[in-house]
Amino acid sequence: MQLFDFSPVREINYKNEILAGLTVAIALVPEAIAFAFIAGVPPLVGLYAACIMGLTTAILGGRPGMISGATGAIAIVLVPLIQEHGIDYLFPAVIIGGLIQIGVGLLKLGKFIRLIPHSVMLGFVNGLAIVIFLAQFSQFKVVNTSGETEWLSGNALYIMIGLVLLTMAIIHFLPKFTKVIPSALAGIIVISAIAIGFDLNTSTVGDMASISGGLPSLIIPDIPYNFHSFMILLPFALKIAAVGLIESLLTLTLIDEITETRGRGNRECVAQGLGNVLSGFLGGMGGCAMIGQSMINISSNARYRLSGIVAGGALLTFILFFGAIIEQIPIAALVGVMFMVAIGTFEWSSIRVLNKVPRVDMVIIIIVSLITVIEDLAIAVLIGTVLAALAFAWDNALRIRARKSVDENGVKFYEIYGPLFFGSSKTFLDKFSVKNDPDKVIIDFAESRIADQSGLEAIRKIDEKYRKAGKSVAFRHLSKDCQQLLATAQLNIEIDPYTDPEYQVVYDKE
């Protein structure tokens, strides 16, 4: 697997890449801090993860333009581990999860993301857009003097709403006049200037936490290095790996569609894993691809690795040197940016076509969206994929049929159409009338194929029925791999000496 791509880059717009990277870096700050709070770790743990994940995947990843960092999906997975065993168990869990992701990439398993149906993809995108949108409302709350959280009210609420709406207006209308500067960055700069210039009483990044710190350093977790600790870490590591890869590969697929290019899923798996390994060793909470920040980057016309490198480098620079400046940015500006990201991410076309797509797909889109919002991304994608697979199996189970004919010699032919597998094997057996058939029967699979063990068992059963009735049955047009399966299963059936087709497996170099 080639990790470094030295092919020449053409028509790169350095201005777009750098400005997009700066915009993403600013947007990463409150997200990383918020996710660190969710996980119950210091803010710098989230910020370090955003830097390390962002830089690693930008340099080595399989999807230029995609942004990775600390994410809510990973933070939620880590909460029980940190609550039960402490922060020292966080870092080795992230490292082991990263190693699993590297293994997935090296074994070239990333291509299986293609098995996720488009309806699940739509549900994922819509659900994540709703999650991004709803998450911003937490910024409209404040902790009162009693230590309780309450909604903003009065002038503070009006200022917050006004700044958010102004940010959204700038992002929406500015591209109609000029594209010299990314509209999201322009919105952040203008709102920051207004808030600072008029000394507005509104919350800033600094009100969440300080982002100033030093370089990340090597972490040696203080845990017992034994089998018991490994068994504690393994379930969480598997969840980190699974959630991270699902979100990253789905985001990769989405950006592929938007940019009309193709990323490299297996390479991205390796990069995500390496980023998590480095993050664990350097005191970060790990992470994966971030659809919100990736959409900011892509909408700013960034298409190359430079924007992601700038974002990770700028975030580290903020931590080391410019924390005090970044802390003055109003939260309202970043909320406005994320609102526009959510609006742009949501597939509005999926609402218009709900009544025009198959009912099963419509249900899957809605279910995946709801589960993504209510429960968990990985669970939503898993359930949606299982539902789609069951619907596909049921539909194909109904497709198997047999055309019957008798030739001049009294031989009866059954020409089978449709796949023979677990869902259709019962229907297949019902097609035959053993008692009424002549002494010689030929079953033709030219338009069918045995797909699994249930199909083999159906072949065995029908062969046994005809033998018990004292009649002969032969199978025609069984492919070479089907014949090999029958031989492996030690099923001694008669193969009609007729020219059989040979199936070729499509080779995927990725």
Protein backbone atom coordinates (compact mmCIF):
# COMPACT_ATOMS: atom_id res chain seq x y z
CA MET A 1 0.00 0.00 0.00
CA GLN A 2 1.47 3.34 -1.05
CA LEU A 3 1.25 5.79 1.84
CA PHE A 4 2.80 8.78 0.13
CA ASP A 5 1.53 10.08 -3.19
CA PHE A 6 4.25 11.88 -5.11
CA SER A 7 2.24 12.39 -8.29
CA PRO A 8 2.12 16.03 -9.43
CA VAL A 9 -0.80 18.13 -8.19
CA ARG A 10 -2.34 20.32 -10.85
CA GLU A 11 -4.35 23.49 -10.58
CA ILE A 12 -4.10 23.69 -6.81
CA ASN A 13 -5.48 26.96 -5.47
CA TYR A 14 -3.22 27.75 -2.52
CA LYS A 15 -5.37 30.65 -1.35
CA ASN A 16 -8.48 28.48 -1.14
CA GLU A 17 -6.60 25.67 0.60
CA ILE A 18 -5.00 27.92 3.22
CA LEU A 19 -8.10 29.98 3.98
CA ALA A 20 -10.28 26.86 4.13
CA GLY A 21 -7.80 25.25 6.51
CA LEU A 22 -7.86 28.29 8.80
CA THR A 23 -11.67 28.28 8.81
CA VAL A 24 -11.75 24.60 9.70
CA ALA A 25 -9.16 25.09 12.46
CA ILE A 26 -11.28 27.78 14.11
CA ALA A 27 -14.41 25.62 13.82
CA LEU A 28 -12.55 22.66 15.34
CA VAL A 29 -11.83 24.45 18.62
CA PRO A 30 -15.30 24.50 20.26
CA GLU A 31 -16.12 21.05 18.88
CA ALA A 32 -12.98 19.50 20.36
CA ILE A 33 -13.58 21.18 23.71
CA ALA A 34 -17.24 20.13 23.78
CA PHE A 35 -16.41 16.50 22.97
CA ALA A 36 -13.72 16.49 25.64
CA PHE A 37 -16.35 17.63 28.15
CA ILE A 38 -18.68 14.84 26.97
CA ALA A 39 -15.96 12.26 27.51
CA GLY A 40 -15.06 13.75 30.89
CA VAL A 41 -11.44 14.67 30.06
CA PRO A 42 -9.52 18.00 30.07
CA PRO A 43 -10.07 20.23 26.99
CA LEU A 44 -6.49 19.84 25.80
CA VAL A 45 -7.05 16.09 25.43
CA GLY A 46 -9.70 16.85 22.82
CA LEU A 47 -7.63 19.58 21.15
CA TYR A 48 -4.55 17.36 20.91
CA ALA A 49 -6.69 14.64 19.33
CA ALA A 50 -8.01 17.12 16.75
CA CYS A 51 -4.46 18.22 15.86
CA ILE A 52 -2.99 14.72 15.64
CA MET A 53 -5.91 13.11 13.82
CA GLY A 54 -6.21 16.04 11.45
CA LEU A 55 -2.53 16.15 10.50
CA THR A 56 -2.09 12.39 10.22
CA THR A 57 -5.08 11.78 7.98
CA ALA A 58 -4.43 14.90 5.90
CA ILE A 59 -0.91 13.67 5.09
CA LEU A 60 -1.51 9.93 4.79
CA GLY A 61 -5.27 9.52 4.31
CA GLY A 62 -7.11 8.26 1.28
CA ARG A 63 -9.46 11.22 0.84
CA PRO A 64 -7.87 14.67 0.26
CA GLY A 65 -10.13 17.39 1.59
CA MET A 66 -11.65 15.28 4.36
CA ILE A 67 -11.11 16.54 7.91
CA SER A 68 -10.61 14.32 10.94
CA GLY A 69 -10.52 15.19 14.62
CA ALA A 70 -12.10 14.50 17.99
CA THR A 71 -15.74 13.50 17.45
CA GLY A 72 -18.86 13.06 19.51
CA ALA A 73 -19.31 9.48 18.30
CA ILE A 74 -15.95 8.45 19.78
CA ALA A 75 -16.48 10.56 22.92
CA ILE A 76 -19.76 8.78 23.71
CA VAL A 77 -18.05 5.38 23.37
CA LEU A 78 -15.36 6.46 25.86
CA VAL A 79 -17.66 7.77 28.60
CA PRO A 80 -18.32 4.43 30.39
CA LEU A 81 -14.63 3.46 30.23
CA ILE A 82 -13.47 6.73 31.80
CA GLN A 83 -16.21 6.72 34.43
CA GLU A 84 -15.47 3.15 35.53
CA HIS A 85 -11.69 2.96 35.18
CA GLY A 86 -10.32 6.50 34.84
CA ILE A 87 -8.56 8.47 32.13
CA ASP A 88 -5.47 6.20 32.20
CA TYR A 89 -7.49 3.51 30.42
CA LEU A 90 -8.56 5.95 27.71
CA PHE A 91 -5.23 6.14 25.92
CA PRO A 92 -4.48 2.39 25.56
CA ALA A 93 -8.08 1.83 24.38
CA VAL A 94 -7.54 4.43 21.64
CA ILE A 95 -4.20 2.82 20.70
CA ILE A 96 -5.68 -0.68 20.43
CA GLY A 97 -8.63 0.69 18.45
CA GLY A 98 -6.17 2.35 16.07
CA LEU A 99 -4.25 -0.90 15.61
CA ILE A 100 -7.51 -2.67 14.70
CA GLN A 101 -8.24 0.03 12.12
CA ILE A 102 -4.76 -0.37 10.63
CA GLY A 103 -5.41 -4.11 10.38
CA VAL A 104 -8.71 -3.49 8.58
CA GLY A 105 -6.92 -1.29 6.06
CA LEU A 106 -4.01 -3.66 5.48
CA LEU A 107 -6.43 -6.54 4.96
CA LYS A 108 -8.25 -4.34 2.40
CA LEU A 109 -11.59 -4.62 4.16
CA GLY A 110 -12.47 -0.96 3.67
CA LYS A 111 -14.08 -1.77 0.33
CA PHE A 112 -17.00 -3.39 2.16
CA ILE A 113 -18.35 0.09 2.82
CA ARG A 114 -19.81 -0.32 -0.68
CA LEU A 115 -22.26 -2.84 0.76
CA ILE A 116 -24.01 -0.03 2.65
CA PRO A 117 -27.06 0.90 0.52
CA HIS A 118 -27.75 4.42 -0.69
CA SER A 119 -30.88 4.62 1.45
CA VAL A 120 -28.72 4.00 4.56
CA MET A 121 -26.29 6.63 3.33
CA LEU A 122 -29.10 9.16 3.00
CA GLY A 123 -30.36 8.32 6.47
CA PHE A 124 -26.84 8.68 7.88
CA VAL A 125 -26.34 12.08 6.26
CA ASN A 126 -29.74 13.40 7.31
CA GLY A 127 -29.41 12.05 10.85
CA LEU A 128 -25.96 13.54 11.26
CA ALA A 129 -27.17 16.89 9.92
CA ILE A 130 -29.94 16.88 12.53
CA VAL A 131 -27.43 15.93 15.25
CA ILE A 132 -25.15 18.82 14.24
CA PHE A 133 -28.11 21.20 14.19
CA LEU A 134 -29.52 20.16 17.57
CA ALA A 135 -26.07 20.14 19.22
CA GLN A 136 -25.77 23.89 18.66
CA PHE A 137 -28.68 24.66 20.97
CA SER A 138 -26.55 23.77 23.97
CA GLN A 139 -24.75 27.07 23.30
CA PHE A 140 -28.01 28.90 24.04
CA LYS A 141 -27.78 27.76 27.67
CA VAL A 142 -25.86 29.24 30.57
CA VAL A 143 -24.97 28.14 34.09
CA ASN A 144 -26.67 30.38 36.67
CA THR A 145 -25.36 31.38 40.10
CA SER A 146 -26.89 28.25 41.63
CA GLY A 147 -24.85 26.04 39.33
CA GLU A 148 -27.91 25.03 37.30
CA THR A 149 -28.15 25.20 33.50
CA GLU A 150 -30.86 27.41 32.04
CA TRP A 151 -31.76 28.95 28.70
CA LEU A 152 -30.50 32.39 27.78
CA SER A 153 -33.04 35.17 28.15
CA GLY A 154 -33.36 38.90 27.66
CA ASN A 155 -30.62 40.87 25.91
CA ALA A 156 -28.16 37.97 26.04
CA LEU A 157 -30.58 35.81 24.03
CA TYR A 158 -31.35 38.60 21.53
CA ILE A 159 -27.63 39.29 20.97
CA MET A 160 -26.91 35.60 20.52
CA ILE A 161 -29.73 35.13 17.99
CA GLY A 162 -28.81 38.31 16.13
CA LEU A 163 -25.14 37.31 15.77
CA VAL A 164 -26.06 33.78 14.69
CA LEU A 165 -28.47 35.05 12.04
CA LEU A 166 -25.95 37.62 10.80
CA THR A 167 -23.29 34.90 10.49
CA MET A 168 -25.69 32.72 8.52
CA ALA A 169 -26.61 35.65 6.26
CA ILE A 170 -22.95 36.38 5.50
CA ILE A 171 -22.27 32.73 4.68
CA HIS A 172 -25.32 32.55 2.42
CA PHE A 173 -25.03 35.87 0.54
CA LEU A 174 -21.29 36.60 0.38
CA PRO A 175 -20.53 33.98 -2.34
CA LYS A 176 -23.01 35.77 -4.61
CA PHE A 177 -20.68 38.82 -4.59
CA THR A 178 -17.18 37.41 -4.11
CA LYS A 179 -15.39 34.15 -3.48
CA VAL A 180 -12.06 35.73 -2.59
CA ILE A 181 -12.43 34.56 1.00
CA PRO A 182 -14.43 31.57 2.30
CA SER A 183 -17.78 32.86 3.48
CA ALA A 184 -17.55 30.93 6.76
CA LEU A 185 -14.21 32.57 7.61
CA ALA A 186 -15.60 35.97 6.63
CA GLY A 187 -18.59 35.41 8.92
CA ILE A 188 -16.35 34.52 11.86
CA ILE A 189 -14.13 37.57 11.30
CA VAL A 190 -17.02 40.02 10.90
CA ILE A 191 -18.96 38.76 13.91
CA SER A 192 -15.80 38.73 16.04
CA ALA A 193 -15.07 42.33 15.02
CA ILE A 194 -18.63 43.43 15.87
CA ALA A 195 -18.65 41.65 19.23
CA ILE A 196 -15.24 43.00 20.24
CA GLY A 197 -15.75 46.46 18.75
CA PHE A 198 -19.11 47.02 20.46
CA ASP A 199 -18.10 45.10 23.60
CA LEU A 200 -21.18 42.89 23.33
CA ASN A 201 -22.10 40.69 26.27
CA THR A 202 -21.98 37.33 24.54
CA SER A 203 -20.20 34.07 25.29
CA THR A 204 -16.86 33.36 23.64
CA VAL A 205 -14.62 30.35 23.07
CA GLY A 206 -12.67 31.35 26.17
CA ASP A 207 -15.81 30.95 28.29
CA MET A 208 -15.81 27.25 27.47
CA ALA A 209 -12.19 26.61 28.46
CA SER A 210 -8.68 27.86 27.91
CA ILE A 211 -7.06 26.45 24.78
CA SER A 212 -3.51 27.54 25.63
CA GLY A 213 -1.02 24.79 26.24
CA GLY A 214 2.26 23.21 25.15
CA LEU A 215 3.24 20.52 22.72
CA PRO A 216 1.70 17.09 23.31
CA SER A 217 4.08 14.75 25.14
CA LEU A 218 4.50 10.99 25.33
CA ILE A 219 1.99 9.34 27.66
CA ILE A 220 2.71 6.08 29.49
CA PRO A 221 -0.64 5.00 31.00
CA ASP A 222 -0.50 4.01 34.64
CA ILE A 223 -2.44 0.73 34.38
CA PRO A 224 -1.60 -2.92 35.05
CA TYR A 225 -0.26 -4.45 31.86
CA ASN A 226 -1.92 -7.84 32.08
CA PHE A 227 -4.65 -9.91 30.45
CA HIS A 228 -7.35 -8.56 32.77
CA SER A 229 -6.65 -4.98 31.68
CA PHE A 230 -6.63 -6.06 28.03
CA MET A 231 -10.06 -7.64 28.39
CA ILE A 232 -11.34 -4.39 29.92
CA LEU A 233 -9.93 -2.38 27.01
CA LEU A 234 -10.83 -4.70 24.13
CA PRO A 235 -14.62 -4.07 23.94
CA PHE A 236 -14.09 -0.31 23.94
CA ALA A 237 -11.26 -0.58 21.41
CA LEU A 238 -13.53 -2.55 19.08
CA LYS A 239 -16.25 0.09 19.42
CA ILE A 240 -13.74 2.89 18.76
CA ALA A 241 -12.49 1.09 15.65
CA ALA A 242 -15.96 0.27 14.33
CA VAL A 243 -17.56 3.66 14.97
CA GLY A 244 -14.51 5.50 13.66
CA LEU A 245 -14.30 3.51 10.45
CA ILE A 246 -18.03 3.64 9.75
CA GLU A 247 -18.20 7.40 10.17
CA SER A 248 -14.95 7.97 8.27
CA LEU A 249 -15.79 5.73 5.32
CA LEU A 250 -19.32 7.08 5.02
CA THR A 251 -17.97 10.63 5.09
CA LEU A 252 -15.41 9.61 2.46
CA THR A 253 -18.21 8.26 0.28
CA LEU A 254 -20.21 11.47 0.70
CA ILE A 255 -17.27 13.65 -0.32
CA ASP A 256 -16.60 11.34 -3.26
CA GLU A 257 -20.12 12.08 -4.50
CA ILE A 258 -19.83 15.82 -3.95
CA THR A 259 -16.43 16.19 -5.63
CA GLU A 260 -17.08 13.49 -8.27
CA THR A 261 -13.77 11.85 -7.42
CA ARG A 262 -12.88 8.59 -5.71
CA GLY A 263 -11.05 8.26 -2.41
CA ARG A 264 -9.15 5.22 -1.26
CA GLY A 265 -10.99 3.53 1.59
CA ASN A 266 -8.29 1.09 2.68
CA ARG A 267 -5.66 3.80 2.79
CA GLU A 268 -8.01 5.93 4.87
CA CYS A 269 -8.48 3.03 7.31
CA VAL A 270 -4.71 2.81 7.82
CA ALA A 271 -4.40 6.59 8.26
CA GLN A 272 -7.27 6.73 10.74
CA GLY A 273 -5.70 3.89 12.70
CA LEU A 274 -2.26 5.49 12.72
CA GLY A 275 -3.81 8.77 13.84
CA ASN A 276 -5.51 7.04 16.76
CA VAL A 277 -2.32 5.21 17.73
CA LEU A 278 -0.36 8.49 17.76
CA SER A 279 -3.22 10.24 19.55
CA GLY A 280 -3.21 7.62 22.31
CA PHE A 281 0.55 7.86 22.82
CA LEU A 282 0.50 11.69 22.81
CA GLY A 283 -2.42 12.27 25.18
CA GLY A 284 -5.32 12.65 22.75
CA MET A 285 -8.77 11.09 22.99
CA GLY A 286 -8.71 9.75 19.43
CA GLY A 287 -11.28 10.47 16.77
CA CYS A 288 -12.32 9.96 13.16
CA ALA A 289 -13.57 11.91 10.16
CA MET A 290 -15.84 14.87 10.92
CA ILE A 291 -18.63 15.44 8.44
CA GLY A 292 -19.34 19.00 9.62
CA GLN A 293 -15.77 20.28 9.31
CA SER A 294 -15.29 18.28 6.11
CA MET A 295 -18.31 20.03 4.61
CA ILE A 296 -16.92 23.43 5.68
CA ASN A 297 -13.66 22.53 3.95
CA ILE A 298 -15.27 21.26 0.75
CA SER A 299 -17.74 24.16 0.56
CA SER A 300 -14.72 26.50 0.78
CA ASN A 301 -13.49 24.89 -2.47
CA ALA A 302 -10.62 23.01 -0.82
CA ARG A 303 -9.83 19.77 -2.66
CA TYR A 304 -6.29 18.83 -1.67
CA ARG A 305 -4.29 17.70 1.34
CA LEU A 306 -2.97 21.19 2.01
CA SER A 307 -6.20 22.41 3.62
CA GLY A 308 -6.20 19.57 6.15
CA ILE A 309 -2.51 20.10 6.92
CA VAL A 310 -3.13 23.83 7.41
CA ALA A 311 -6.10 23.07 9.69
CA GLY A 312 -4.11 20.72 11.93
CA GLY A 313 -1.06 22.99 11.96
CA ALA A 314 -3.12 26.10 12.65
CA LEU A 315 -4.93 24.42 15.53
CA LEU A 316 -1.59 23.46 17.09
CA THR A 317 -0.39 27.04 16.57
CA PHE A 318 -3.51 28.34 18.34
CA ILE A 319 -2.73 26.11 21.31
CA LEU A 320 0.92 27.17 21.48
CA PHE A 321 0.81 30.88 20.66
CA PHE A 322 -2.59 32.40 19.89
CA GLY A 323 -4.93 30.88 22.44
CA ALA A 324 -5.82 34.26 23.91
CA ILE A 325 -6.90 35.59 20.50
CA ILE A 326 -8.97 32.55 19.51
CA GLU A 327 -10.66 32.61 22.92
CA GLN A 328 -12.23 35.99 22.03
CA ILE A 329 -14.20 34.57 19.08
CA PRO A 330 -17.94 34.64 19.87
CA ILE A 331 -19.60 31.26 20.14
CA ALA A 332 -22.49 32.75 18.14
CA ALA A 333 -20.28 32.96 15.02
CA LEU A 334 -19.35 29.30 15.25
CA VAL A 335 -22.96 28.32 15.95
CA GLY A 336 -24.01 30.17 12.80
CA VAL A 337 -21.35 28.33 10.79
CA MET A 338 -22.47 24.94 12.09
CA PHE A 339 -26.15 25.76 11.45
CA MET A 340 -25.27 26.43 7.81
CA VAL A 341 -23.22 23.22 7.71
CA ALA A 342 -26.23 21.26 8.99
CA ILE A 343 -28.52 22.88 6.42
CA GLY A 344 -26.06 22.17 3.63
CA THR A 345 -25.42 18.60 4.78
CA PHE A 346 -29.08 17.56 4.94
CA GLU A 347 -30.19 15.85 1.74
CA TRP A 348 -33.33 17.88 1.07
CA SER A 349 -33.88 15.94 -2.14
CA SER A 350 -34.54 12.84 -0.04
CA ILE A 351 -37.74 14.49 1.26
CA ARG A 352 -38.95 15.32 -2.23
CA VAL A 353 -38.47 11.76 -3.48
CA LEU A 354 -39.84 9.92 -0.45
CA ASN A 355 -43.06 9.05 -2.28
CA LYS A 356 -41.17 8.17 -5.47
CA VAL A 357 -38.74 5.57 -4.09
CA PRO A 358 -39.64 2.02 -3.02
CA ARG A 359 -41.44 1.94 0.31
CA VAL A 360 -38.67 -0.14 1.90
CA ASP A 361 -36.06 2.51 1.03
CA MET A 362 -38.31 5.25 2.38
CA VAL A 363 -38.68 3.41 5.69
CA ILE A 364 -34.92 2.75 5.90
CA ILE A 365 -34.08 6.42 5.33
CA ILE A 366 -36.41 7.48 8.14
CA ILE A 367 -35.33 4.73 10.55
CA VAL A 368 -31.59 5.36 10.05
CA SER A 369 -32.09 9.11 10.48
CA LEU A 370 -34.05 8.66 13.71
CA ILE A 371 -31.66 6.11 15.24
CA THR A 372 -28.67 8.32 14.37
CA VAL A 373 -30.30 11.17 16.29
CA ILE A 374 -31.66 9.15 19.22
CA GLU A 375 -29.09 6.42 19.73
CA ASP A 376 -25.85 5.96 17.85
CA LEU A 377 -24.39 6.26 14.36
CA ALA A 378 -22.91 2.75 14.23
CA ILE A 379 -26.14 1.13 15.45
CA ALA A 380 -28.16 3.16 12.93
CA VAL A 381 -25.99 2.09 10.00
CA LEU A 382 -25.97 -1.54 11.19
CA ILE A 383 -29.76 -1.69 11.56
CA GLY A 384 -30.31 0.08 8.25
CA THR A 385 -27.96 -2.27 6.41
CA VAL A 386 -29.58 -5.35 7.97
CA LEU A 387 -33.05 -4.10 7.02
CA ALA A 388 -31.92 -3.42 3.46
CA ALA A 389 -30.30 -6.86 3.24
CA LEU A 390 -33.46 -8.56 4.52
CA ALA A 391 -35.59 -6.60 2.07
CA PHE A 392 -33.24 -7.58 -0.77
CA ALA A 393 -33.28 -11.24 0.30
CA TRP A 394 -37.08 -11.27 0.50
CA ASP A 395 -37.43 -9.63 -2.90
CA ASN A 396 -35.04 -12.13 -4.52
CA ALA A 397 -36.69 -15.03 -2.72
CA LEU A 398 -39.87 -14.22 -4.63
CA ARG A 399 -38.08 -14.03 -7.97
CA ILE A 400 -37.16 -17.70 -8.35
CA ARG A 401 -39.34 -19.50 -10.85
CA ALA A 402 -39.26 -22.53 -13.15
CA ARG A 403 -40.30 -22.85 -16.78
CA LYS A 404 -41.36 -26.41 -17.52
CA SER A 405 -41.32 -28.31 -20.80
CA VAL A 406 -41.17 -31.90 -22.13
CA ASP A 407 -39.17 -32.80 -25.23
CA GLU A 408 -39.97 -35.41 -27.90
CA ASN A 409 -38.15 -38.09 -25.92
CA GLY A 410 -40.32 -37.61 -22.88
CA VAL A 411 -37.62 -35.85 -20.85
CA LYS A 412 -38.96 -33.08 -18.65
CA PHE A 413 -36.98 -29.86 -18.33
CA TYR A 414 -37.10 -27.37 -15.48
CA GLU A 415 -35.44 -24.08 -16.49
CA ILE A 416 -34.72 -22.24 -13.25
CA TYR A 417 -34.68 -18.44 -13.10
CA GLY A 418 -33.46 -16.41 -10.13
CA PRO A 419 -30.87 -17.08 -7.40
CA LEU A 420 -31.10 -20.20 -5.27
CA PHE A 421 -30.24 -19.25 -1.67
CA PHE A 422 -31.65 -19.47 1.86
CA GLY A 423 -34.60 -17.22 1.04
CA SER A 424 -35.70 -19.03 -2.12
CA SER A 425 -34.84 -22.67 -1.37
CA LYS A 426 -38.34 -23.51 -0.04
CA THR A 427 -40.03 -21.95 -3.08
CA PHE A 428 -37.57 -23.81 -5.34
CA LEU A 429 -38.52 -27.19 -3.85
CA ASP A 430 -42.22 -26.43 -4.30
CA LYS A 431 -41.73 -26.02 -8.05
CA PHE A 432 -41.26 -29.78 -8.63
CA SER A 433 -43.93 -32.47 -9.00
CA VAL A 434 -41.87 -35.60 -8.38
CA LYS A 435 -44.76 -38.06 -8.46
CA ASN A 436 -46.17 -36.81 -11.76
CA ASP A 437 -42.85 -36.25 -13.55
CA PRO A 438 -41.48 -38.72 -16.13
CA ASP A 439 -38.57 -41.02 -15.42
CA LYS A 440 -35.98 -38.58 -16.76
CA VAL A 441 -35.75 -34.98 -15.50
CA ILE A 442 -33.18 -32.26 -16.29
CA ILE A 443 -32.92 -29.15 -14.15
CA ASP A 444 -31.29 -26.28 -16.06
CA PHE A 445 -29.45 -23.54 -14.10
CA ALA A 446 -28.41 -21.43 -17.10
CA GLU A 447 -30.40 -18.48 -15.67
CA SER A 448 -29.84 -19.29 -12.01
CA ARG A 449 -27.03 -19.85 -9.56
CA ILE A 450 -26.52 -21.61 -6.25
CA ALA A 451 -25.52 -18.97 -3.73
CA ASP A 452 -25.11 -20.63 -0.34
CA GLN A 453 -25.41 -23.75 1.83
CA SER A 454 -29.20 -23.57 1.76
CA GLY A 455 -29.05 -23.78 -2.04
CA LEU A 456 -26.80 -26.85 -1.85
CA GLU A 457 -29.18 -28.47 0.61
CA ALA A 458 -32.10 -27.79 -1.74
CA ILE A 459 -30.20 -29.53 -4.56
CA ARG A 460 -29.52 -32.51 -2.30
CA LYS A 461 -33.17 -32.76 -1.26
CA ILE A 462 -34.58 -32.65 -4.78
CA ASP A 463 -32.01 -35.20 -5.96
CA GLU A 464 -32.97 -37.47 -3.05
CA LYS A 465 -36.69 -37.17 -3.80
CA TYR A 466 -36.29 -38.23 -7.42
CA ARG A 467 -33.97 -41.12 -6.49
CA LYS A 468 -36.48 -42.42 -3.91
CA ALA A 469 -39.18 -42.26 -6.60
CA GLY A 470 -37.00 -44.40 -8.87
CA LYS A 471 -36.42 -41.58 -11.33
CA SER A 472 -33.24 -39.96 -12.62
CA VAL A 473 -32.49 -36.26 -12.36
CA ALA A 474 -29.54 -34.40 -13.87
CA PHE A 475 -28.40 -30.82 -13.34
CA ARG A 476 -27.32 -28.69 -16.27
CA HIS A 477 -25.39 -25.44 -16.51
CA LEU A 478 -24.03 -25.55 -12.98
CA SER A 479 -21.05 -23.20 -12.87
CA LYS A 480 -17.59 -24.51 -12.01
CA ASP A 481 -17.66 -22.97 -8.54
CA CYS A 482 -21.09 -24.51 -7.88
CA GLN A 483 -19.78 -27.91 -8.91
CA GLN A 484 -16.81 -27.41 -6.60
CA LEU A 485 -19.17 -26.59 -3.72
CA LEU A 486 -21.15 -29.74 -4.43
CA ALA A 487 -17.97 -31.82 -4.48
CA THR A 488 -16.74 -30.25 -1.25
CA ALA A 489 -20.09 -31.02 0.39
CA GLN A 490 -19.73 -34.60 -0.94
CA LEU A 491 -23.04 -34.43 -2.77
CA ASN A 492 -22.93 -37.13 -5.45
CA ILE A 493 -25.39 -35.78 -7.99
CA GLU A 494 -25.51 -36.23 -11.74
CA ILE A 495 -24.16 -33.34 -13.79
CA ASP A 496 -25.61 -33.27 -17.29
CA PRO A 497 -22.70 -33.33 -19.84
CA TYR A 498 -23.54 -29.96 -21.31
CA THR A 499 -21.35 -26.90 -21.82
CA ASP A 500 -21.35 -25.05 -18.51
CA PRO A 501 -20.63 -21.35 -18.07
CA GLU A 502 -17.55 -20.06 -16.26
CA TYR A 503 -18.00 -17.10 -13.92
CA GLN A 504 -15.19 -14.64 -13.38
CA VAL A 505 -14.78 -12.68 -10.16
CA VAL A 506 -14.24 -8.95 -10.60
CA TYR A 507 -10.82 -8.01 -9.26
CA ASP A 508 -10.52 -4.84 -7.24
CA LYS A 509 -6.96 -3.57 -6.84
CA GLU A 510 -8.09 -1.41 -3.89
